[in-house]
Protein backbone atom coordinates (compact mmCIF):
# COMPACT_ATOMS: atom_id res chain seq x y z
CA MET A 1 -33.04 -36.93 30.31
CA SER A 2 -34.81 -34.71 33.05
CA GLN A 3 -33.26 -31.50 34.02
CA ASN A 4 -33.21 -29.84 37.57
CA VAL A 5 -33.34 -26.15 38.14
CA ALA A 6 -29.64 -25.73 38.06
CA ASP A 7 -29.34 -27.55 34.74
CA LEU A 8 -32.05 -25.22 33.32
CA PHE A 9 -30.16 -22.16 34.69
CA ILE A 10 -26.92 -23.17 32.71
CA SER A 11 -28.93 -23.99 29.49
CA THR A 12 -30.58 -20.60 29.44
CA LEU A 13 -27.27 -19.07 30.24
CA VAL A 14 -25.69 -20.80 27.26
CA ARG A 15 -28.59 -20.02 24.77
CA ALA A 16 -28.14 -16.51 25.51
CA GLY A 17 -24.50 -16.37 24.77
CA VAL A 18 -23.03 -16.38 28.09
CA THR A 19 -19.55 -18.10 28.16
CA ARG A 20 -18.26 -17.83 31.55
CA VAL A 21 -19.51 -17.29 35.28
CA TRP A 22 -17.51 -15.42 38.10
CA GLY A 23 -17.60 -16.47 41.55
CA LEU A 24 -16.67 -18.32 44.60
CA PRO A 25 -18.20 -21.97 45.62
CA GLY A 26 -20.07 -22.68 48.47
CA ASP A 27 -22.52 -25.30 50.13
CA SER A 28 -25.75 -23.70 49.02
CA LEU A 29 -24.35 -22.92 45.38
CA ASN A 30 -23.20 -26.57 45.04
CA GLY A 31 -26.11 -27.52 42.84
CA PHE A 32 -25.40 -24.65 40.46
CA THR A 33 -21.56 -25.43 40.48
CA ASP A 34 -22.07 -28.97 39.95
CA ALA A 35 -24.55 -28.49 36.93
CA LEU A 36 -21.76 -26.19 35.55
CA ARG A 37 -19.18 -28.81 35.84
CA ARG A 38 -21.40 -31.48 34.15
CA SER A 39 -22.61 -29.05 31.38
CA GLY A 40 -19.07 -28.04 30.50
CA GLU A 41 -20.37 -25.29 28.41
CA LEU A 42 -19.52 -22.58 30.75
CA GLU A 43 -16.09 -21.49 32.02
CA TRP A 44 -15.85 -21.05 35.89
CA MET A 45 -13.92 -17.87 36.64
CA HIS A 46 -12.64 -18.83 40.36
CA VAL A 47 -11.55 -15.58 42.11
CA ARG A 48 -10.74 -14.99 45.77
CA HIS A 49 -13.21 -12.54 46.76
CA GLU A 50 -16.86 -12.24 45.63
CA GLU A 51 -16.53 -8.31 45.42
CA ALA A 52 -13.92 -8.98 42.99
CA ALA A 53 -16.24 -11.34 41.07
CA ALA A 54 -18.96 -8.67 40.79
CA PHE A 55 -16.22 -6.31 39.34
CA ALA A 56 -14.82 -8.82 37.05
CA ALA A 57 -18.19 -9.41 35.55
CA ALA A 58 -19.11 -5.66 35.18
CA GLY A 59 -15.65 -5.34 33.34
CA GLU A 60 -16.63 -8.06 30.97
CA ALA A 61 -19.97 -6.41 30.34
CA HIS A 62 -18.13 -2.94 29.78
CA VAL A 63 -16.10 -4.67 27.02
CA THR A 64 -18.71 -6.71 25.32
CA GLY A 65 -21.85 -4.96 26.05
CA GLU A 66 -23.51 -8.47 26.67
CA LEU A 67 -24.78 -10.00 29.76
CA ALA A 68 -22.19 -11.03 32.31
CA VAL A 69 -22.95 -13.24 35.27
CA VAL A 70 -21.70 -13.76 38.87
CA ALA A 71 -22.50 -16.47 41.39
CA GLY A 72 -22.22 -16.71 45.18
CA SER A 73 -23.12 -18.60 48.02
CA CYS A 74 -25.66 -17.65 50.81
CA GLY A 75 -25.21 -15.12 53.40
CA PRO A 76 -21.68 -13.41 53.60
CA GLY A 77 -20.63 -15.13 50.40
CA ASN A 78 -22.98 -13.11 48.02
CA LEU A 79 -23.27 -10.18 50.56
CA HIS A 80 -19.83 -9.44 49.02
CA PHE A 81 -21.36 -8.61 45.56
CA ILE A 82 -22.74 -5.49 47.09
CA ASN A 83 -20.02 -3.25 45.92
CA GLY A 84 -19.33 -4.59 42.50
CA LEU A 85 -23.14 -4.59 41.79
CA PHE A 86 -23.60 -1.06 42.68
CA ASP A 87 -20.76 -0.03 40.36
CA ALA A 88 -22.20 -2.38 37.34
CA GLN A 89 -25.74 -0.77 38.22
CA ARG A 90 -24.53 2.89 38.13
CA SER A 91 -22.20 2.37 35.11
CA ARG A 92 -25.24 0.89 33.22
CA VAL A 93 -23.79 -2.26 32.22
CA PRO A 94 -25.57 -5.82 31.95
CA VAL A 95 -24.83 -8.07 34.97
CA LEU A 96 -26.93 -11.03 36.31
CA ALA A 97 -26.18 -12.08 39.71
CA ILE A 98 -27.10 -15.54 41.03
CA ALA A 99 -27.51 -15.42 44.88
CA SER A 100 -27.99 -18.73 46.37
CA HIS A 101 -30.08 -18.76 49.75
CA ILE A 102 -30.02 -21.03 52.92
CA PRO A 103 -32.54 -24.09 52.46
CA SER A 104 -36.14 -23.15 51.93
CA PRO A 105 -37.39 -24.63 55.19
CA GLU A 106 -35.14 -22.37 57.47
CA ILE A 107 -35.67 -19.04 56.04
CA GLY A 108 -37.31 -16.81 58.52
CA SER A 109 -35.52 -18.44 61.44
CA SER A 110 -32.50 -16.30 61.74
CA SER A 111 -30.65 -19.62 60.68
CA PHE A 112 -26.82 -19.88 60.12
CA GLN A 113 -25.65 -17.36 57.55
CA GLU A 114 -29.10 -16.14 56.91
CA THR A 115 -29.62 -12.94 55.22
CA HIS A 116 -32.39 -11.54 52.71
CA PRO A 117 -30.71 -11.02 49.46
CA GLN A 118 -33.88 -9.90 47.72
CA GLU A 119 -33.85 -6.97 50.23
CA LEU A 120 -30.23 -6.28 50.36
CA PHE A 121 -29.69 -6.17 46.53
CA ARG A 122 -33.01 -4.26 45.99
CA GLU A 123 -31.30 -0.64 45.77
CA CYS A 124 -28.55 -1.81 43.28
CA SER A 125 -30.51 -3.68 40.75
CA ASP A 126 -33.51 -3.12 38.28
CA TYR A 127 -34.86 -6.47 39.07
CA VAL A 128 -34.50 -8.75 42.17
CA GLU A 129 -36.60 -11.99 42.90
CA LEU A 130 -36.51 -14.87 45.12
CA VAL A 131 -37.30 -18.45 43.55
CA SER A 132 -39.34 -20.28 46.32
CA ASP A 133 -40.89 -22.82 43.93
CA PRO A 134 -39.11 -24.50 40.83
CA ALA A 135 -42.24 -23.51 38.73
CA GLN A 136 -41.25 -19.73 38.70
CA LEU A 137 -37.57 -20.16 37.47
CA PRO A 138 -38.00 -20.02 33.83
CA TRP A 139 -40.20 -16.77 34.08
CA VAL A 140 -38.04 -15.33 36.72
CA LEU A 141 -34.96 -16.14 35.09
CA GLU A 142 -35.92 -14.72 31.65
CA THR A 143 -37.23 -11.62 32.90
CA ALA A 144 -34.14 -11.19 35.04
CA MET A 145 -31.88 -11.50 32.01
CA ARG A 146 -34.29 -9.39 29.75
CA THR A 147 -34.29 -6.53 32.51
CA ALA A 148 -30.48 -6.48 32.69
CA VAL A 149 -29.67 -6.44 28.96
CA GLU A 150 -32.63 -4.04 28.14
CA LYS A 151 -32.00 -1.63 30.84
CA ARG A 152 -28.23 -2.11 30.91
CA GLY A 153 -28.21 -2.95 34.64
CA VAL A 154 -28.05 -5.40 37.34
CA ALA A 155 -30.55 -8.19 37.84
CA VAL A 156 -30.54 -10.52 40.80
CA VAL A 157 -32.05 -13.88 41.15
CA VAL A 158 -32.01 -15.47 44.42
CA VAL A 159 -32.40 -19.27 44.74
CA PRO A 160 -32.37 -21.23 47.98
CA GLY A 161 -29.81 -24.02 47.98
CA ASP A 162 -32.44 -26.78 47.74
CA ILE A 163 -34.32 -25.54 44.88
CA PHE A 164 -31.39 -25.86 42.62
CA HIS A 165 -31.68 -29.73 42.98
CA ARG A 166 -35.45 -29.93 42.15
CA ASP A 167 -36.80 -30.98 38.88
CA ALA A 168 -37.15 -28.15 36.35
CA PRO A 169 -40.59 -27.42 35.08
CA ILE A 170 -41.39 -28.42 31.49
CA ARG A 171 -41.86 -25.33 29.36
CA ARG A 172 -41.15 -24.38 25.72
CA PRO A 173 -38.02 -22.31 26.04
CA SER A 174 -38.04 -18.61 24.55
CA ALA A 175 -35.83 -17.18 22.03
CA PRO A 176 -31.96 -16.72 23.25
CA ILE A 177 -32.10 -13.40 25.21
CA ARG A 178 -30.21 -10.71 23.77
CA ALA A 179 -30.19 -7.07 23.94
CA THR A 180 -32.43 -5.36 20.97
CA THR A 181 -31.37 -2.29 19.30
CA PRO A 182 -34.38 0.05 19.30
CA ARG A 183 -34.34 3.44 17.62
CA ILE A 184 -35.58 6.04 19.92
CA LEU A 185 -36.27 9.67 18.55
CA PRO A 186 -37.76 12.60 20.32
CA GLY A 187 -41.09 14.05 18.89
CA GLU A 188 -41.04 16.44 15.95
CA GLU A 189 -42.41 19.39 18.10
CA GLU A 190 -39.33 18.83 20.64
CA LEU A 191 -36.66 18.57 18.03
CA ALA A 192 -38.06 21.86 16.73
CA ARG A 193 -38.16 23.40 20.03
CA ALA A 194 -34.72 22.50 20.57
CA ALA A 195 -33.44 23.74 17.17
CA GLU A 196 -35.28 27.04 17.64
CA THR A 197 -33.32 27.43 20.96
CA LEU A 198 -29.97 26.72 19.24
CA ASN A 199 -30.63 28.86 16.20
CA THR A 200 -31.31 31.92 18.18
CA VAL A 201 -27.99 32.10 20.22
CA LYS A 202 -24.41 32.80 19.41
CA ASN A 203 -22.25 30.37 21.67
CA VAL A 204 -23.05 26.57 22.19
CA THR A 205 -21.06 24.18 24.07
CA ILE A 206 -21.65 20.34 24.03
CA LEU A 207 -21.30 18.48 27.19
CA ALA A 208 -20.98 14.68 26.01
CA GLY A 209 -21.03 11.80 28.52
CA ALA A 210 -21.24 7.86 28.20
CA GLY A 211 -24.56 7.98 26.23
CA VAL A 212 -22.55 9.09 23.11
CA GLU A 213 -20.98 5.66 22.74
CA GLY A 214 -21.63 4.53 19.09
CA SER A 215 -22.42 8.14 18.07
CA HIS A 216 -18.92 9.85 17.36
CA ALA A 217 -19.70 10.65 13.79
CA GLU A 218 -23.24 11.87 14.62
CA VAL A 219 -22.15 14.12 17.55
CA LEU A 220 -19.06 15.52 15.44
CA ALA A 221 -21.42 16.39 12.60
CA LEU A 222 -23.72 18.26 15.12
CA ALA A 223 -20.78 20.07 16.51
CA GLY A 224 -19.45 21.16 13.11
CA LYS A 225 -22.97 22.56 12.32
CA LEU A 226 -23.31 24.35 15.72
CA LYS A 227 -19.56 25.53 15.64
CA ALA A 228 -19.55 24.19 19.39
CA PRO A 229 -16.59 23.12 21.49
CA ILE A 230 -17.29 19.45 22.97
CA VAL A 231 -16.55 18.93 26.71
CA HIS A 232 -16.57 15.52 27.83
CA ALA A 233 -17.33 14.06 31.34
CA PHE A 234 -15.09 11.46 32.25
CA ARG A 235 -17.12 8.54 31.33
CA GLY A 236 -17.61 10.08 27.95
CA LYS A 237 -13.78 10.45 27.62
CA GLU A 238 -13.42 6.90 25.75
CA HIS A 239 -16.27 7.25 23.32
CA ILE A 240 -15.69 11.07 22.11
CA GLU A 241 -12.13 12.47 22.69
CA TYR A 242 -10.41 10.57 19.78
CA ASP A 243 -10.13 12.06 16.25
CA ASN A 244 -12.24 15.07 17.52
CA PRO A 245 -11.48 18.56 16.14
CA PHE A 246 -13.92 20.53 18.64
CA ASP A 247 -12.44 18.68 21.67
CA VAL A 248 -11.57 21.10 24.49
CA GLY A 249 -11.13 18.38 27.32
CA MET A 250 -13.05 17.58 30.37
CA THR A 251 -14.64 19.43 33.13
CA GLY A 252 -15.18 18.49 36.97
CA LEU A 253 -12.83 17.71 39.63
CA LEU A 254 -10.38 15.82 37.26
CA GLY A 255 -10.85 18.06 34.49
CA PHE A 256 -9.32 20.79 32.49
CA ALA A 257 -9.61 24.65 33.01
CA SER A 258 -10.49 24.69 29.00
CA GLY A 259 -13.72 22.52 29.74
CA TYR A 260 -14.84 24.15 32.69
CA ARG A 261 -14.35 27.70 30.70
CA ALA A 262 -16.06 26.45 27.49
CA MET A 263 -19.08 25.77 29.50
CA GLU A 264 -19.08 28.91 31.46
CA ARG A 265 -19.04 31.01 28.36
CA CYS A 266 -21.63 29.40 26.48
CA ASP A 267 -25.25 30.77 25.88
CA VAL A 268 -26.56 27.48 25.50
CA LEU A 269 -25.32 24.24 27.01
CA LEU A 270 -26.18 20.94 25.04
CA ILE A 271 -25.87 17.99 27.26
CA LEU A 272 -25.84 14.64 25.34
CA GLY A 273 -26.17 11.51 27.19
CA SER A 274 -24.33 12.71 30.24
CA ASP A 275 -25.36 12.14 33.97
CA PHE A 276 -22.34 14.55 34.99
CA PRO A 277 -22.99 14.81 38.72
CA TYR A 278 -21.17 17.95 40.12
CA ARG A 279 -23.87 20.67 39.90
CA GLU A 280 -21.34 23.53 41.01
CA PHE A 281 -19.57 22.87 37.64
CA TYR A 282 -22.73 23.50 35.43
CA PRO A 283 -22.99 27.00 34.13
CA GLU A 284 -25.45 29.43 36.16
CA LYS A 285 -26.71 31.52 33.40
CA ALA A 286 -26.88 29.44 30.00
CA THR A 287 -29.86 27.73 28.61
CA ILE A 288 -29.75 23.98 29.06
CA ILE A 289 -30.90 21.43 26.57
CA GLN A 290 -30.48 17.95 27.55
CA VAL A 291 -30.77 14.67 25.61
CA ASP A 292 -30.78 11.30 27.31
CA ILE A 293 -32.40 8.10 26.37
CA ARG A 294 -33.84 7.67 29.84
CA GLY A 295 -36.15 10.33 30.54
CA GLU A 296 -35.96 10.28 34.06
CA GLN A 297 -32.31 11.64 33.83
CA LEU A 298 -33.61 14.93 32.54
CA GLY A 299 -32.82 17.88 34.64
CA ARG A 300 -31.44 15.62 37.65
CA ARG A 301 -28.25 17.51 37.84
CA THR A 302 -29.13 21.15 36.45
CA PRO A 303 -32.57 22.81 35.71
CA VAL A 304 -33.21 21.97 31.91
CA ASP A 305 -35.07 24.47 29.57
CA VAL A 306 -35.78 21.71 26.80
CA GLY A 307 -35.54 18.04 27.42
CA LEU A 308 -35.40 15.50 24.71
CA VAL A 309 -35.91 11.69 25.43
CA GLY A 310 -34.03 9.88 22.47
CA ASP A 311 -30.78 8.11 21.36
CA VAL A 312 -28.02 10.49 21.07
CA GLY A 313 -26.92 9.47 17.52
CA GLU A 314 -30.51 9.40 16.29
CA THR A 315 -31.28 12.96 17.97
CA ALA A 316 -28.16 14.46 16.75
CA ARG A 317 -28.53 13.13 13.08
CA ALA A 318 -32.27 14.64 13.16
CA LEU A 319 -31.18 18.04 14.60
CA VAL A 320 -28.29 18.71 12.11
CA PRO A 321 -30.49 19.58 9.15
CA LEU A 322 -32.66 22.00 11.54
CA ILE A 323 -29.56 24.05 12.45
CA ARG A 324 -29.11 27.22 10.35
CA ASP A 325 -25.61 27.73 8.36
CA GLY A 326 -23.60 30.59 8.73
CA ARG A 327 -22.83 30.48 12.53
CA SER A 328 -19.91 32.49 13.78
CA ASP A 329 -17.11 30.12 14.93
CA ASP A 330 -15.75 32.89 17.45
CA HIS A 331 -16.73 30.69 20.68
CA LEU A 332 -15.15 27.50 19.04
CA ASN A 333 -11.83 28.75 18.06
CA ASP A 334 -11.44 30.95 21.40
CA SER A 335 -12.29 27.60 23.20
CA LEU A 336 -9.83 25.56 21.15
CA LYS A 337 -7.07 28.06 21.75
CA HIS A 338 -7.63 27.80 25.32
CA TYR A 339 -7.30 24.17 25.36
CA ARG A 340 -4.10 23.98 23.52
CA SER A 341 -2.87 26.30 26.11
CA THR A 342 -4.07 24.15 28.96
CA ARG A 343 -2.95 20.99 27.27
CA LYS A 344 0.43 22.28 26.80
CA GLU A 345 0.84 23.22 30.45
CA LEU A 346 -0.49 19.67 31.37
CA ASP A 347 1.93 18.17 29.12
CA GLU A 348 4.83 20.18 30.45
CA LEU A 349 4.27 18.67 33.89
CA ALA A 350 4.58 15.20 32.67
CA ASN A 351 8.37 15.40 32.50
CA ASP A 352 11.42 13.62 34.21
CA ASP A 353 12.94 16.23 36.20
CA GLY A 354 15.46 13.93 37.60
CA LYS A 355 14.21 14.09 41.16
CA GLU A 356 13.01 11.22 43.34
CA PRO A 357 10.29 10.25 43.86
CA ILE A 358 8.61 9.90 40.33
CA HIS A 359 6.10 12.34 39.22
CA PRO A 360 2.97 10.44 38.63
CA GLN A 361 2.16 12.78 35.54
CA TYR A 362 5.48 11.41 33.90
CA LEU A 363 4.14 7.78 34.75
CA ALA A 364 0.93 7.99 33.19
CA LYS A 365 2.38 9.63 30.07
CA LEU A 366 4.75 6.71 29.53
CA ILE A 367 1.79 4.30 30.12
CA ASP A 368 0.01 6.13 27.29
CA ASP A 369 2.95 6.06 24.80
CA LEU A 370 3.76 2.50 25.23
CA ALA A 371 0.37 0.97 25.51
CA ASP A 372 -1.27 -0.48 22.41
CA GLU A 373 -3.47 1.40 19.95
CA ASP A 374 -6.52 -1.07 21.22
CA ALA A 375 -5.45 -1.22 24.80
CA ILE A 376 -7.97 -1.32 27.55
CA PHE A 377 -7.28 0.74 30.52
CA THR A 378 -8.78 0.28 34.23
CA ALA A 379 -8.19 2.94 36.82
CA ASP A 380 -8.50 2.85 40.58
CA VAL A 381 -10.58 5.62 42.00
CA GLY A 382 -8.38 8.20 43.48
CA SER A 383 -5.11 9.59 42.00
CA PRO A 384 -4.75 6.83 39.05
CA VAL A 385 -8.16 8.31 37.81
CA MET A 386 -6.80 11.69 38.06
CA TRP A 387 -3.70 11.01 35.85
CA ALA A 388 -5.71 8.67 33.57
CA ALA A 389 -8.26 11.59 32.70
CA ARG A 390 -5.45 13.89 32.02
CA TYR A 391 -2.69 11.88 30.00
CA LEU A 392 -4.34 8.74 28.50
CA LYS A 393 -5.12 9.57 24.89
CA MET A 394 -8.28 7.60 23.38
CA THR A 395 -8.32 6.13 20.15
CA PRO A 396 -11.21 4.63 18.34
CA GLU A 397 -10.18 1.14 19.72
CA ARG A 398 -8.87 2.05 23.22
CA ARG A 399 -11.25 1.61 26.27
CA LEU A 400 -10.92 3.23 29.48
CA ILE A 401 -12.98 1.57 32.50
CA GLY A 402 -13.38 2.40 36.01
CA SER A 403 -15.84 3.11 39.01
CA PHE A 404 -16.66 6.58 37.43
CA SER A 405 -20.00 6.81 39.09
CA HIS A 406 -20.00 4.70 42.14
CA GLY A 407 -16.60 5.77 42.96
CA SER A 408 -15.41 2.45 44.76
CA MET A 409 -11.75 1.88 45.46
CA ALA A 410 -10.09 -1.38 44.51
CA ASN A 411 -11.89 -1.69 41.09
CA ALA A 412 -8.91 -1.61 38.83
CA VAL A 413 -7.63 -5.00 39.16
CA PRO A 414 -10.67 -7.15 39.15
CA GLN A 415 -12.30 -5.02 36.24
CA ALA A 416 -9.04 -5.83 34.19
CA LEU A 417 -9.65 -9.53 34.96
CA GLY A 418 -13.22 -9.15 33.31
CA ALA A 419 -11.59 -7.24 30.51
CA ARG A 420 -8.97 -9.63 29.69
CA ALA A 421 -11.45 -12.69 29.82
CA ALA A 422 -13.60 -11.05 27.29
CA ALA A 423 -10.73 -9.62 25.24
CA PRO A 424 -8.03 -12.24 25.43
CA HIS A 425 -5.88 -10.97 22.41
CA ARG A 426 -5.87 -7.31 23.77
CA GLN A 427 -3.73 -5.59 25.94
CA VAL A 428 -5.19 -4.82 29.46
CA VAL A 429 -3.39 -2.24 31.57
CA ALA A 430 -4.67 -1.57 34.94
CA LEU A 431 -3.72 1.67 36.97
CA ALA A 432 -3.87 0.71 40.35
CA GLY A 433 -3.55 2.93 43.63
CA ASP A 434 -1.37 1.12 46.57
CA GLY A 435 -4.56 1.74 48.69
CA GLY A 436 -6.93 0.06 45.94
CA LEU A 437 -4.61 -2.79 45.35
CA SER A 438 -4.22 -3.72 49.02
CA MET A 439 -8.03 -3.96 49.31
CA LEU A 440 -8.44 -7.00 47.04
CA MET A 441 -4.82 -8.13 46.95
CA GLY A 442 -6.07 -11.61 46.72
CA GLU A 443 -6.76 -11.13 43.06
CA LEU A 444 -3.27 -11.24 42.11
CA ILE A 445 -3.60 -15.16 42.80
CA SER A 446 -6.93 -15.03 40.69
CA ILE A 447 -4.83 -13.65 37.61
CA ARG A 448 -2.55 -16.50 37.89
CA GLN A 449 -5.27 -19.15 38.36
CA ASN A 450 -7.29 -18.01 35.51
CA ASP A 451 -4.37 -17.35 33.17
CA LEU A 452 -5.13 -13.96 32.43
CA ALA A 453 -2.44 -11.65 31.30
CA VAL A 454 -2.85 -8.41 32.66
CA LYS A 455 -0.43 -5.62 33.27
CA ILE A 456 -0.89 -3.74 36.65
CA VAL A 457 0.95 -0.42 37.04
CA VAL A 458 0.84 0.61 40.86
CA PHE A 459 1.06 4.23 41.66
CA ASN A 460 2.86 3.83 45.07
CA ASN A 461 2.57 6.78 47.21
CA SER A 462 2.27 5.16 50.62
CA SER A 463 -0.87 7.37 51.29
CA LEU A 464 -4.59 7.51 50.49
CA ASN A 465 -3.68 10.39 48.14
CA PHE A 466 -7.10 11.70 46.77
CA VAL A 467 -8.22 11.67 50.32
CA GLU A 468 -5.21 13.83 51.38
CA LEU A 469 -5.97 16.04 48.63
CA GLU A 470 -9.44 16.40 49.88
CA MET A 471 -8.21 17.13 53.39
CA LYS A 472 -5.95 19.95 52.27
CA ALA A 473 -8.76 21.78 50.21
CA ALA A 474 -10.98 21.70 53.41
CA GLY A 475 -8.32 22.96 55.58
CA THR A 476 -7.70 19.87 57.44
CA VAL A 477 -4.44 18.50 58.62
CA ASN A 478 -3.68 15.04 57.08
CA PHE A 479 -4.68 12.10 59.31
CA GLY A 480 -5.25 8.41 58.96
CA THR A 481 -4.02 8.52 55.42
CA ASP A 482 -0.60 6.94 55.87
CA LEU A 483 -0.01 3.64 54.31
CA ALA A 484 2.99 1.39 55.33
CA GLN A 485 5.36 1.40 52.62
CA THR A 486 5.21 -1.86 50.59
CA ASP A 487 7.09 -3.64 47.99
CA PHE A 488 4.37 -4.79 45.66
CA ALA A 489 6.69 -6.14 43.18
CA ALA A 490 7.77 -8.71 45.71
CA ILE A 491 4.24 -9.82 46.20
CA ALA A 492 3.46 -10.23 42.76
CA GLN A 493 6.53 -12.25 42.46
CA ALA A 494 5.53 -14.52 45.37
CA SER A 495 1.95 -14.85 43.54
CA GLY A 496 3.47 -16.16 40.40
CA ILE A 497 3.63 -12.95 38.36
CA ALA A 498 6.58 -10.97 37.01
CA GLY A 499 7.19 -8.10 39.37
CA TYR A 500 9.04 -4.91 38.89
CA ARG A 501 9.84 -1.86 41.30
CA VAL A 502 11.04 1.29 40.05
CA GLU A 503 12.33 4.24 42.29
CA LYS A 504 14.24 6.32 39.77
CA ALA A 505 12.73 7.93 36.82
CA SER A 506 15.76 7.18 34.75
CA GLU A 507 14.78 3.56 34.77
CA LEU A 508 11.09 3.79 34.41
CA ALA A 509 10.51 3.86 30.66
CA GLN A 510 12.94 1.01 30.17
CA THR A 511 11.18 -1.06 32.97
CA LEU A 512 7.97 -0.23 31.60
CA GLU A 513 8.84 -1.55 28.38
CA ARG A 514 10.17 -4.66 29.47
CA ALA A 515 6.94 -5.46 31.54
CA PHE A 516 4.75 -4.61 28.76
CA ASP A 517 6.82 -7.05 26.59
CA GLU A 518 6.29 -9.77 29.00
CA PRO A 519 4.23 -12.59 27.38
CA GLY A 520 2.22 -13.14 30.59
CA SER A 521 0.96 -10.76 33.61
CA ALA A 522 3.20 -8.28 35.10
CA LEU A 523 3.16 -5.83 37.99
CA ILE A 524 5.17 -2.52 37.94
CA ASP A 525 5.52 -0.88 41.32
CA VAL A 526 6.35 2.66 40.84
CA VAL A 527 7.29 4.88 43.64
CA VAL A 528 5.63 8.28 42.97
CA ALA A 529 5.36 11.45 44.79
CA ARG A 530 3.12 11.85 47.53
CA GLN A 531 2.72 15.52 47.50
CA GLU A 532 1.93 15.99 43.73
CA LEU A 533 -1.09 18.27 43.65
CA SER A 534 -3.99 18.01 41.00
CA ILE A 535 -5.53 21.53 40.74
CA PRO A 536 -9.14 21.38 39.59
CA PRO A 537 -10.38 23.88 36.79
CA SER A 538 -11.77 26.23 39.02
CA ILE A 539 -10.66 27.08 42.43
CA THR A 540 -13.32 28.38 44.82
CA ALA A 541 -12.74 30.83 47.39
CA ALA A 542 -13.70 28.22 50.18
CA GLN A 543 -10.86 25.69 48.38
CA ALA A 544 -8.22 28.64 48.69
CA LYS A 545 -9.11 29.37 52.03
CA GLY A 546 -9.20 25.67 53.09
CA PHE A 547 -5.83 25.33 51.51
CA ALA A 548 -4.22 28.16 53.55
CA LEU A 549 -5.66 26.84 56.88
CA TYR A 550 -4.24 23.63 55.96
CA ALA A 551 -0.91 25.06 55.64
CA LEU A 552 -1.16 27.03 58.83
CA ARG A 553 -2.53 24.09 60.91
CA THR A 554 0.33 21.87 59.48
CA VAL A 555 2.87 24.26 60.64
CA PHE A 556 1.34 24.63 64.11
CA SER A 557 1.19 20.83 64.55
CA GLY A 558 4.75 20.50 64.16
CA ARG A 559 4.73 19.24 60.63
CA GLY A 560 6.00 21.98 58.49
CA ASP A 561 8.29 19.54 56.63
CA GLU A 562 5.22 18.41 54.80
CA LEU A 563 4.78 21.86 53.47
CA LEU A 564 8.32 21.96 52.25
CA ASP A 565 7.89 18.53 50.45
CA LEU A 566 4.61 20.00 48.73
CA ALA A 567 6.72 23.30 47.60
CA ASP A 568 9.53 21.00 46.46
CA THR A 569 7.22 18.75 44.32
CA ASN A 570 4.75 21.38 42.93
CA VAL A 571 5.73 25.06 43.21
CA TRP A 572 9.35 25.25 41.88
CA ARG A 573 8.52 23.06 38.97
CA ARG A 574 5.36 25.12 38.05
CA LEU A 575 7.20 28.15 38.40
CA PHE A 576 9.78 26.95 35.90
CA HIS A 577 7.38 26.13 33.42
């Protein structure tokens, strides 16, 4: 029986191990969705917004490491993919986007719903191509899939709606497309140069990013030989924080003072698989050695003295025997002591002081305590990632997923959809902001429709909270950040999801436990303190000046009560501890 182009799409995806497609149907996609229906081999994951479909596919790819697929109709339909695809590309997870187009004869005529997807998606993909003739399809589709899995990025195949219905070309199929596992190691001279640099200095600190995934033992062995504290970037947290006697916390805007200090006091900073973007947090005087599997990453954030292109695990394993024994552990012990002090201060702030509203640190700590040992967490950009970074403890099985490189709002719930679909027997907990949840709130219905049991904890402070913090640091009076008080528990219940609302800290632990024990989905709407401050690990003079200006301008604008709330929420509690 002859295949059409859409049938060939489906069979190629199935042979590659794909099991589901995220998206919304539409007229230009009808050929594809009809082939999917007739095949019955792929599950159609129907969401309410194409942006959520792209985020969900990325969430799936985060969990499995395998190719995930999203499909959308022409023009405004697949245009909504853009934010989720940017996030997948910058997070380096393999996603294939099938972007249908208007009918071939109408392209270029400014027809109804016409866009040019191959141009729109070029910036957020490693490969994008328009299929204008069925004969192209096997080659274009396979190249797209190979590019996505090998580069761990986004590939986009653009197909006019009429092409889906054409006869597929007859061609011997290639082997199923799955990611390969090459071993990439720097040259001997490069390794020798790095080892010589490490052997001639006293204090070494390691900065570990997402590139240490799968190399936990190798990195710890290298840290032990170097007597080096390990600082992690946010994307490295889930891969290196657990069972790590060298851990001194995070650096960056969400990090700890101890992580910043360990980097500032080193002679050599050894960067392992990290693209940590904030240049102001890198040490000014230290020698920099950077290891990355992608050579184009070297020196992108800070000047590099020794650059090594290689897999982190293979490179660490090769360096260990080149490091001389008998190193002093003074720098390591000093860094660990400072970390213990910093950690103690953070933990003391995660308490129930009996006041209302609830401190978000306390909420995050309870989530950590009650979640499963193999839970998958997703976190919205804004205040939820702040508290996730500081209070969620990783285990070898736990995962932490978010828009940590792209920095998009509204990612937590759709990424939780993808994670739960990929891991139906694991607990999935989304830490959502009230602003982020509001953006893609229709996905509460997608949760019910696709029968995906996720737990959503809403940090409800009736504001764009992190934006307000940025305004305070810049000396600006808060403006345009208010969000109307909303009962998200009631909305969840109306959507067919168990909903709970908590306004008193005394009721929080019991309610969270009850919601986490629900056999299906649950949303816990927690009213948290709006004025809670998250202090970055290093306060610049400009930030201190900005905060003073904010206070002065707030008083002069007639909003002095805001400063009283700020003091009541933060100052007295910190003085007490």
